[in-house]
């Protein structure tokens, strides 16, 4: 990725970074962080940098360790002339494995005269070195497919869903389109049910070609993996104008759980009665994405894209925020899976994108350590979701979500979907 910015675009880039945490928020409840961030943005726009610093410190106190908050603090510090403190904040970001391209921004140019800048550059270069070895498992030639959901059945057949075309395909020796999307919308998370059927979350999003007036509709669907027939269609009631069920997990033969990334809600769905039940009320989370059951089946682990990792009680929907070490960030997680006592995460909300394994503590309420499995690999272009089979993670390496322009159009010349496999041992 070329992060070079012209002087004409730098101010616009800064403004986008300041506001980026709101991109995935629908009606998420107001909290101390959001209020402080609003104050910060207003102060930046008014060039009131002393007030911006106060707001940045308040925001970071409300959400400790949040990468966007650390960047905002570094920006406020350098705009107030405290370049040493700004470099320290940027270094804290690198220690978490996160970069916002500060070395390319004119606002941080004064830091380059500091004694510690050369060390910072070395640490930055190390952050962008390739990590891990992933093998190509499958490719698909349709450049504007925009893959998201992925599943593999007991026979090793791979299924892939599209955000842009709404198609659901089988990949293998006899690759074919299983569904053209006529009875559903964009295909998000997918899971294979114990009965052999395929369940997937679907939503009418602006990036869906020809979405029309369906935008905002979402639901869970079951498809016969042989015939391509939709055998169950469960549309989520229209609680809010815009809703997106983005991922799901199968609890047992009758119960599924699904996250709404726009409203912050988590739902329990009963197959037999075709009914949704609210587990976590809308607005309690910012943008829940991946979810996975714990070993006991009594809790869900959920990745809030802008809030970090949470454990959710399936009894009453109560939330507990997981504690993480200072050198780990649990923000920007899209895909979330369990491998023994580890949570395997696919992070595309921080740079560089990565796949990591986070070890749960014995009580399941904190992360004790992490290991980086893959980062900066060839073909990475906003990796999204995956699936674990045995000791191997199969995942979408190049979703191209980041390639849509303001009119939700895609450029020419994109590579087709690339599925990588990565050993978790």
Protein backbone atom coordinates (compact mmCIF):
# COMPACT_ATOMS: atom_id res chain seq x y z
CA UNK A 1 0.00 0.00 0.00
CA UNK A 2 1.38 3.40 -0.99
CA UNK A 3 0.84 5.71 1.97
CA UNK A 4 2.47 8.75 0.39
CA UNK A 5 0.30 11.86 0.74
CA UNK A 6 0.52 15.12 -1.16
CA UNK A 7 0.35 18.35 0.82
CA UNK A 8 -3.02 19.06 -0.77
CA UNK A 9 -4.52 15.88 0.68
CA UNK A 10 -2.89 15.84 4.10
CA UNK A 11 -5.42 18.06 5.86
CA UNK A 12 -8.29 16.04 4.38
CA UNK A 13 -6.55 12.81 5.49
CA UNK A 14 -6.15 14.11 9.03
CA UNK A 15 -9.83 15.03 9.18
CA UNK A 16 -10.75 11.56 7.95
CA UNK A 17 -8.62 9.94 10.65
CA UNK A 18 -10.20 12.07 13.33
CA UNK A 19 -13.66 11.00 12.23
CA UNK A 20 -12.88 7.40 11.25
CA UNK A 21 -14.21 5.81 14.43
CA UNK A 22 -17.71 6.82 13.41
CA UNK A 23 -17.68 4.96 10.10
CA UNK A 24 -19.08 1.76 11.55
CA UNK A 25 -21.42 3.27 14.11
CA UNK A 26 -25.15 3.36 13.54
CA UNK A 27 -27.08 4.39 16.62
CA UNK A 28 -24.47 3.33 19.16
CA UNK A 29 -25.11 4.97 22.50
CA UNK A 30 -23.31 8.14 23.42
CA UNK A 31 -20.51 7.65 25.97
CA UNK A 32 -17.64 9.63 27.42
CA UNK A 33 -15.35 8.69 24.54
CA UNK A 34 -17.71 9.81 21.80
CA UNK A 35 -18.46 13.05 23.56
CA UNK A 36 -14.76 13.77 24.00
CA UNK A 37 -14.08 12.87 20.38
CA UNK A 38 -16.77 15.25 19.19
CA UNK A 39 -15.12 17.99 21.25
CA UNK A 40 -11.75 17.05 19.76
CA UNK A 41 -12.98 17.27 16.17
CA UNK A 42 -14.63 20.61 16.80
CA UNK A 43 -11.48 21.98 18.43
CA UNK A 44 -9.32 20.77 15.53
CA UNK A 45 -11.60 22.39 12.97
CA UNK A 46 -11.48 25.64 14.94
CA UNK A 47 -7.67 25.34 15.30
CA UNK A 48 -8.10 25.52 19.08
CA UNK A 49 -5.25 23.12 19.74
CA UNK A 50 -5.08 23.56 23.50
CA UNK A 51 -8.72 22.51 23.79
CA UNK A 52 -8.05 19.71 21.32
CA UNK A 53 -5.35 18.36 23.65
CA UNK A 54 -7.72 18.41 26.62
CA UNK A 55 -10.35 16.54 24.60
CA UNK A 56 -7.78 14.01 23.32
CA UNK A 57 -6.65 13.20 26.86
CA UNK A 58 -10.26 12.88 27.99
CA UNK A 59 -11.08 10.56 25.09
CA UNK A 60 -8.11 8.30 25.79
CA UNK A 61 -9.00 8.15 29.47
CA UNK A 62 -12.47 6.96 28.48
CA UNK A 63 -11.07 4.31 26.14
CA UNK A 64 -7.51 3.45 27.27
CA UNK A 65 -5.20 2.09 24.63
CA UNK A 66 -7.53 2.82 21.71
CA UNK A 67 -5.23 3.28 18.67
CA UNK A 68 -7.31 6.11 17.19
CA UNK A 69 -7.25 7.84 20.55
CA UNK A 70 -3.47 7.52 20.78
CA UNK A 71 -3.05 8.97 17.30
CA UNK A 72 -5.35 11.88 18.14
CA UNK A 73 -3.34 12.54 21.29
CA UNK A 74 -0.09 12.51 19.31
CA UNK A 75 -1.56 14.93 16.79
CA UNK A 76 -2.83 17.27 19.50
CA UNK A 77 0.54 17.16 21.26
CA UNK A 78 2.54 18.10 18.18
CA UNK A 79 0.07 20.84 17.20
CA UNK A 80 0.64 22.27 20.68
CA UNK A 81 4.42 22.18 20.20
CA UNK A 82 5.11 19.21 22.51
CA UNK A 83 6.92 17.14 19.91
CA UNK A 84 8.69 14.85 22.40
CA UNK A 85 5.37 13.80 23.91
CA UNK A 86 3.94 13.31 20.43
CA UNK A 87 6.78 10.97 19.46
CA UNK A 88 6.23 9.00 22.68
CA UNK A 89 2.54 8.57 21.80
CA UNK A 90 3.39 7.43 18.27
CA UNK A 91 5.90 4.97 19.71
CA UNK A 92 3.18 3.55 21.96
CA UNK A 93 1.16 2.95 18.80
CA UNK A 94 4.04 1.06 17.19
CA UNK A 95 4.40 -1.06 20.32
CA UNK A 96 0.81 -2.13 19.73
CA UNK A 97 1.68 -2.91 16.12
CA UNK A 98 -0.32 0.00 14.70
CA UNK A 99 0.64 2.79 12.29
CA UNK A 100 -1.41 5.71 10.96
CA UNK A 101 1.20 7.04 8.53
CA UNK A 102 2.39 9.90 10.74
CA UNK A 103 5.80 9.85 9.04
CA UNK A 104 4.10 11.04 5.83
CA UNK A 105 2.12 13.89 7.40
CA UNK A 106 3.38 17.47 7.45
CA UNK A 107 1.80 18.01 10.89
CA UNK A 108 4.41 15.62 12.35
CA UNK A 109 7.41 16.93 10.39
CA UNK A 110 8.92 18.65 13.46
CA UNK A 111 9.36 15.24 15.09
CA UNK A 112 11.97 14.30 12.50
CA UNK A 113 14.47 16.65 14.16
CA UNK A 114 14.26 14.77 17.46
CA UNK A 115 17.00 12.40 18.61
CA UNK A 116 14.51 9.55 18.90
CA UNK A 117 13.19 9.83 15.34
CA UNK A 118 15.74 7.47 13.78
CA UNK A 119 14.77 4.74 16.24
CA UNK A 120 11.12 5.36 15.45
CA UNK A 121 11.84 4.92 11.74
CA UNK A 122 13.60 1.61 12.40
CA UNK A 123 10.64 0.38 14.45
CA UNK A 124 8.26 1.52 11.72
CA UNK A 125 10.22 -0.36 9.05
CA UNK A 126 10.14 -3.50 11.21
CA UNK A 127 6.37 -3.20 11.55
CA UNK A 128 5.95 -3.51 7.78
CA UNK A 129 8.15 -6.56 7.29
CA UNK A 130 6.27 -9.69 6.18
CA UNK A 131 5.38 -12.09 8.99
CA UNK A 132 4.17 -15.66 8.63
CA UNK A 133 3.84 -18.13 5.79
CA UNK A 134 0.45 -18.59 4.15
CA UNK A 135 -0.19 -20.80 1.13
CA UNK A 136 -2.63 -20.14 -1.67
CA UNK A 137 -5.62 -22.43 -1.23
CA UNK A 138 -7.94 -21.14 -3.93
CA UNK A 139 -8.44 -18.28 -6.36
CA UNK A 140 -11.46 -17.05 -8.29
CA UNK A 141 -11.18 -15.01 -11.44
CA UNK A 142 -14.01 -12.52 -10.95
CA UNK A 143 -12.25 -9.24 -10.09
CA UNK A 144 -15.32 -7.42 -8.77
CA UNK A 145 -16.68 -10.26 -6.68
CA UNK A 146 -15.65 -8.61 -3.36
CA UNK A 147 -15.62 -11.67 -1.09
CA UNK A 148 -16.64 -11.61 2.57
CA UNK A 149 -18.12 -14.83 3.91
CA UNK A 150 -16.29 -18.16 3.62
CA UNK A 151 -17.12 -21.69 4.74
CA UNK A 152 -15.76 -25.21 4.21
CA UNK A 153 -17.92 -28.30 4.62
CA UNK A 154 -16.96 -31.76 5.88
CA UNK A 155 -15.88 -32.84 2.40
CA UNK A 156 -13.53 -29.90 2.00
CA UNK A 157 -15.75 -27.97 -0.41
CA UNK A 158 -15.18 -24.23 -0.14
CA UNK A 159 -18.02 -21.71 -0.32
CA UNK A 160 -17.53 -18.01 -0.91
CA UNK A 161 -20.02 -15.14 -0.74
CA UNK A 162 -19.96 -11.77 -2.48
CA UNK A 163 -20.75 -8.32 -1.17
CA UNK A 164 -20.91 -6.69 -4.58
CA UNK A 165 -22.67 -9.26 -6.76
CA UNK A 166 -24.66 -11.05 -4.05
CA UNK A 167 -23.51 -14.39 -5.44
CA UNK A 168 -22.66 -17.47 -3.42
CA UNK A 169 -20.25 -19.84 -5.16
CA UNK A 170 -18.66 -23.24 -4.74
CA UNK A 171 -14.92 -23.33 -5.39
CA UNK A 172 -13.12 -26.51 -6.38
CA UNK A 173 -12.70 -28.93 -9.25
CA UNK A 174 -16.25 -28.13 -10.31
CA UNK A 175 -16.61 -24.49 -9.37
CA UNK A 176 -20.09 -23.11 -9.91
CA UNK A 177 -22.44 -20.38 -8.84
CA UNK A 178 -24.72 -21.78 -6.16
CA UNK A 179 -26.89 -18.67 -5.89
CA UNK A 180 -27.10 -15.49 -7.94
CA UNK A 181 -28.56 -13.55 -5.04
CA UNK A 182 -32.08 -13.34 -6.44
CA UNK A 183 -33.61 -14.33 -3.08
CA UNK A 184 -31.20 -12.50 -0.79
CA UNK A 185 -28.68 -9.62 -0.79
CA UNK A 186 -24.94 -9.27 -0.14
CA UNK A 187 -23.47 -12.39 1.45
CA UNK A 188 -21.65 -11.85 4.73
CA UNK A 189 -20.65 -14.46 7.33
CA UNK A 190 -21.29 -18.14 6.53
CA UNK A 191 -21.34 -21.33 8.61
CA UNK A 192 -21.96 -24.99 7.85
CA UNK A 193 -24.75 -26.46 9.99
CA UNK A 194 -24.31 -29.95 11.49
CA UNK A 195 -27.07 -31.15 9.14
CA UNK A 196 -24.89 -30.22 6.15
CA UNK A 197 -26.82 -27.13 5.09
CA UNK A 198 -25.18 -23.75 4.72
CA UNK A 199 -26.32 -20.73 6.72
CA UNK A 200 -25.29 -17.19 5.86
CA UNK A 201 -26.00 -13.64 6.92
CA UNK A 202 -27.18 -11.29 4.20
CA UNK A 203 -27.84 -7.56 4.00
CA UNK A 204 -28.77 -4.99 1.40
CA UNK A 205 -25.81 -2.61 1.62
CA UNK A 206 -24.88 0.31 -0.66
CA UNK A 207 -21.98 -1.72 -2.12
CA UNK A 208 -24.41 -4.29 -3.57
CA UNK A 209 -24.83 -3.73 -7.30
CA UNK A 210 -28.43 -2.75 -8.00
CA UNK A 211 -29.39 -2.58 -4.33
CA UNK A 212 -32.20 -0.14 -5.13
CA UNK A 213 -34.74 0.52 -2.40
CA UNK A 214 -33.86 -2.70 -0.53
CA UNK A 215 -31.07 -0.98 1.40
CA UNK A 216 -31.37 -1.60 5.13
CA UNK A 217 -32.97 -5.06 4.90
CA UNK A 218 -31.04 -7.94 6.45
CA UNK A 219 -31.54 -11.49 7.63
CA UNK A 220 -30.29 -15.07 7.96
CA UNK A 221 -30.65 -17.60 5.17
CA UNK A 222 -30.25 -21.34 4.77
CA UNK A 223 -29.28 -22.80 1.41
CA UNK A 224 -29.10 -26.38 0.20
CA UNK A 225 -25.44 -26.79 -0.68
CA UNK A 226 -26.24 -29.21 -3.51
CA UNK A 227 -29.20 -27.69 -5.28
CA UNK A 228 -28.69 -24.03 -4.37
CA UNK A 229 -32.28 -23.79 -3.16
CA UNK A 230 -32.98 -21.32 -0.35
CA UNK A 231 -34.75 -23.43 2.27
CA UNK A 232 -35.09 -20.81 5.01
CA UNK A 233 -35.31 -17.03 4.88
CA UNK A 234 -35.47 -15.15 8.17
CA UNK A 235 -35.54 -11.39 7.73
CA UNK A 236 -34.70 -9.35 10.80
CA UNK A 237 -37.57 -7.05 11.81
CA UNK A 238 -36.93 -3.47 10.71
CA UNK A 239 -35.88 -2.14 14.11
CA UNK A 240 -33.78 0.61 12.51
CA UNK A 241 -33.62 2.10 9.00
CA UNK A 242 -30.17 0.61 8.40
CA UNK A 243 -29.19 -2.80 9.75
CA UNK A 244 -26.50 -5.30 8.73
CA UNK A 245 -26.28 -8.81 10.12
CA UNK A 246 -22.61 -9.33 9.32
CA UNK A 247 -21.67 -12.62 10.96
CA UNK A 248 -23.22 -15.60 12.69
CA UNK A 249 -22.37 -18.64 14.76
CA UNK A 250 -24.32 -21.88 15.14
CA UNK A 251 -24.91 -22.86 18.76
CA UNK A 252 -26.89 -26.08 18.24
CA UNK A 253 -29.37 -27.66 15.85
CA UNK A 254 -31.95 -24.95 16.56
CA UNK A 255 -30.12 -21.80 17.71
CA UNK A 256 -27.95 -19.28 15.87
CA UNK A 257 -26.45 -16.00 17.05
CA UNK A 258 -25.79 -13.01 14.82
CA UNK A 259 -24.31 -9.51 15.15
CA UNK A 260 -25.64 -6.29 13.65
CA UNK A 261 -22.60 -4.16 12.83
CA UNK A 262 -24.60 -0.97 12.35
CA UNK A 263 -26.90 -0.87 15.37
CA UNK A 264 -24.71 -2.73 17.84
CA UNK A 265 -27.31 -5.42 18.57
CA UNK A 266 -26.76 -9.15 18.99
CA UNK A 267 -29.61 -11.54 18.22
CA UNK A 268 -30.54 -15.11 19.05
CA UNK A 269 -32.39 -16.83 16.24
CA UNK A 270 -34.54 -19.98 16.62
CA UNK A 271 -34.70 -22.07 13.47
CA UNK A 272 -37.83 -24.03 14.39
CA UNK A 273 -40.00 -21.01 15.18
CA UNK A 274 -38.24 -18.69 12.71
CA UNK A 275 -38.03 -15.98 15.39
CA UNK A 276 -35.38 -13.49 16.47
CA UNK A 277 -34.78 -12.64 20.11
CA UNK A 278 -32.68 -9.71 21.31
CA UNK A 279 -29.68 -10.85 23.34
CA UNK A 280 -27.75 -7.56 23.48
CA UNK A 281 -29.76 -4.39 23.00
CA UNK A 282 -28.97 -2.13 20.10
CA UNK A 283 -26.54 0.62 21.03
CA UNK A 284 -24.67 -1.25 23.75
CA UNK A 285 -21.82 -2.04 21.35
CA UNK A 286 -20.34 0.20 18.70
CA UNK A 287 -19.93 -2.17 15.75
CA UNK A 288 -19.99 -5.89 16.65
CA UNK A 289 -18.44 -8.09 13.97
CA UNK A 290 -17.11 -11.63 14.50
CA UNK A 291 -18.42 -13.85 17.25
CA UNK A 292 -17.58 -17.29 18.63
CA UNK A 293 -18.84 -19.53 21.43
CA UNK A 294 -16.62 -20.32 24.39
CA UNK A 295 -15.80 -23.90 25.34
CA UNK A 296 -18.65 -24.14 27.85
CA UNK A 297 -21.30 -22.85 25.49
CA UNK A 298 -22.43 -20.38 28.14
CA UNK A 299 -20.78 -17.31 26.62
CA UNK A 300 -20.07 -15.61 23.33
CA UNK A 301 -16.90 -13.75 22.55
CA UNK A 302 -17.67 -10.80 20.32
CA UNK A 303 -15.33 -8.44 18.47
CA UNK A 304 -16.55 -4.85 18.61
CA UNK A 305 -14.72 -3.15 15.74
CA UNK A 306 -14.36 0.12 17.64
CA UNK A 307 -14.68 -1.18 21.18
CA UNK A 308 -12.48 -4.27 21.45
CA UNK A 309 -13.27 -7.79 22.65
CA UNK A 310 -16.22 -8.60 24.90
CA UNK A 311 -17.58 -11.68 26.60
CA UNK A 312 -21.36 -11.94 26.43
CA UNK A 313 -23.44 -14.03 28.77
CA UNK A 314 -25.97 -16.13 26.87
CA UNK A 315 -28.12 -16.16 29.99
CA UNK A 316 -28.85 -12.44 30.25
CA UNK A 317 -26.80 -10.69 27.53
CA UNK A 318 -24.53 -8.93 30.01
CA UNK A 319 -21.19 -7.70 28.67
CA UNK A 320 -17.69 -7.83 30.11
CA UNK A 321 -14.82 -6.06 28.31
CA UNK A 322 -11.73 -8.24 28.04
CA UNK A 323 -8.52 -6.80 29.44
CA UNK A 324 -5.52 -6.86 27.10
CA UNK A 325 -1.77 -6.30 27.66
CA UNK A 326 -0.29 -2.89 26.74
CA UNK A 327 1.43 -4.28 23.64
CA UNK A 328 -1.77 -5.79 22.20
CA UNK A 329 -4.66 -4.08 20.45
CA UNK A 330 -8.06 -5.75 20.22
CA UNK A 331 -9.60 -3.05 18.01
CA UNK A 332 -10.37 -3.35 14.31
CA UNK A 333 -11.20 -7.06 14.49
CA UNK A 334 -13.41 -8.38 11.69
CA UNK A 335 -13.14 -12.19 11.80
CA UNK A 336 -13.10 -13.96 15.19
CA UNK A 337 -12.56 -17.71 15.77
CA UNK A 338 -11.51 -20.03 18.56
CA UNK A 339 -8.53 -22.41 18.50
CA UNK A 340 -8.17 -24.14 21.85
CA UNK A 341 -7.60 -21.41 24.44
CA UNK A 342 -6.82 -18.84 21.77
CA UNK A 343 -9.01 -16.36 19.94
CA UNK A 344 -7.84 -16.15 16.34
CA UNK A 345 -8.53 -12.68 14.96
CA UNK A 346 -8.42 -11.09 11.52
CA UNK A 347 -7.79 -7.36 11.95
CA UNK A 348 -8.40 -4.98 9.07
CA UNK A 349 -9.32 -1.94 11.15
CA UNK A 350 -5.70 -1.22 12.06
CA UNK A 351 -2.62 -0.92 9.87
CA UNK A 352 -0.93 -3.10 8.93
CA UNK A 353 -3.65 -5.73 8.50
CA UNK A 354 -2.94 -8.95 10.32
CA UNK A 355 -3.97 -12.35 11.60
CA UNK A 356 -3.15 -12.96 15.24
CA UNK A 357 -3.84 -15.48 18.00
CA UNK A 358 -4.77 -14.08 21.41
CA UNK A 359 -4.49 -16.41 24.39
CA UNK A 360 -7.34 -16.29 26.87
CA UNK A 361 -6.67 -16.29 30.60
CA UNK A 362 -7.98 -19.20 32.67
CA UNK A 363 -11.06 -17.23 33.74
CA UNK A 364 -11.70 -16.16 30.14
CA UNK A 365 -11.85 -12.46 31.04
CA UNK A 366 -8.53 -11.22 29.70
CA UNK A 367 -5.88 -11.81 27.06
CA UNK A 368 -2.64 -13.06 28.58
CA UNK A 369 -0.45 -12.94 25.47
CA UNK A 370 -0.59 -12.83 21.69
CA UNK A 371 1.26 -14.19 18.69
CA UNK A 372 1.31 -12.64 15.26
CA UNK A 373 0.49 -15.25 12.63
CA UNK A 374 0.49 -13.24 9.40
CA UNK A 375 1.01 -9.65 8.33
CA UNK A 376 2.15 -7.75 5.23
CA UNK A 377 1.90 -10.84 3.03
CA UNK A 378 1.61 -10.77 -0.74
CA UNK A 379 -2.03 -10.55 -1.74
CA UNK A 380 -3.21 -8.86 1.46
CA UNK A 381 -5.82 -6.25 0.59
CA UNK A 382 -8.25 -5.90 3.48
CA UNK A 383 -8.53 -9.53 4.67
CA UNK A 384 -11.96 -10.21 6.16
CA UNK A 385 -13.40 -13.52 7.31
CA UNK A 386 -12.14 -17.07 7.62
CA UNK A 387 -12.86 -20.55 8.90
CA UNK A 388 -10.80 -23.03 10.92
CA UNK A 389 -10.54 -26.67 9.90
CA UNK A 390 -8.34 -28.71 12.22
CA UNK A 391 -5.13 -26.75 12.74
CA UNK A 392 -5.55 -24.58 9.65
CA UNK A 393 -7.16 -21.19 9.13
CA UNK A 394 -8.58 -20.52 5.67
CA UNK A 395 -9.32 -16.85 5.09
CA UNK A 396 -10.17 -14.22 2.50
CA UNK A 397 -6.97 -12.27 1.87
CA UNK A 398 -8.23 -9.57 -0.49
CA UNK A 399 -11.80 -8.46 0.05
CA UNK A 400 -11.28 -5.10 -1.75
CA UNK A 401 -13.75 -3.45 0.64
CA UNK A 402 -11.35 -0.50 0.75
CA UNK A 403 -11.52 -0.08 -3.03
CA UNK A 404 -15.06 1.25 -3.29
CA UNK A 405 -15.19 4.94 -4.18
CA UNK A 406 -17.69 7.51 -2.90
CA UNK A 407 -20.30 6.24 -5.39
CA UNK A 408 -19.65 2.61 -4.36
CA UNK A 409 -17.98 1.83 -7.68
CA UNK A 410 -14.90 -0.38 -8.04
CA UNK A 411 -11.81 0.35 -10.14
CA UNK A 412 -10.72 -1.82 -13.02
CA UNK A 413 -7.81 -4.23 -12.73
CA UNK A 414 -8.48 -5.70 -9.29
CA UNK A 415 -7.28 -9.22 -8.55
CA UNK A 416 -9.95 -11.87 -8.08
CA UNK A 417 -10.64 -13.38 -4.65
CA UNK A 418 -7.63 -15.02 -3.02
CA UNK A 419 -8.09 -17.61 -0.27
CA UNK A 420 -5.03 -18.35 1.86
CA UNK A 421 -4.43 -21.14 4.33
CA UNK A 422 -2.35 -20.64 7.43
CA UNK A 423 -1.17 -23.19 9.98
CA UNK A 424 -2.18 -22.34 13.56
CA UNK A 425 0.31 -24.70 15.18
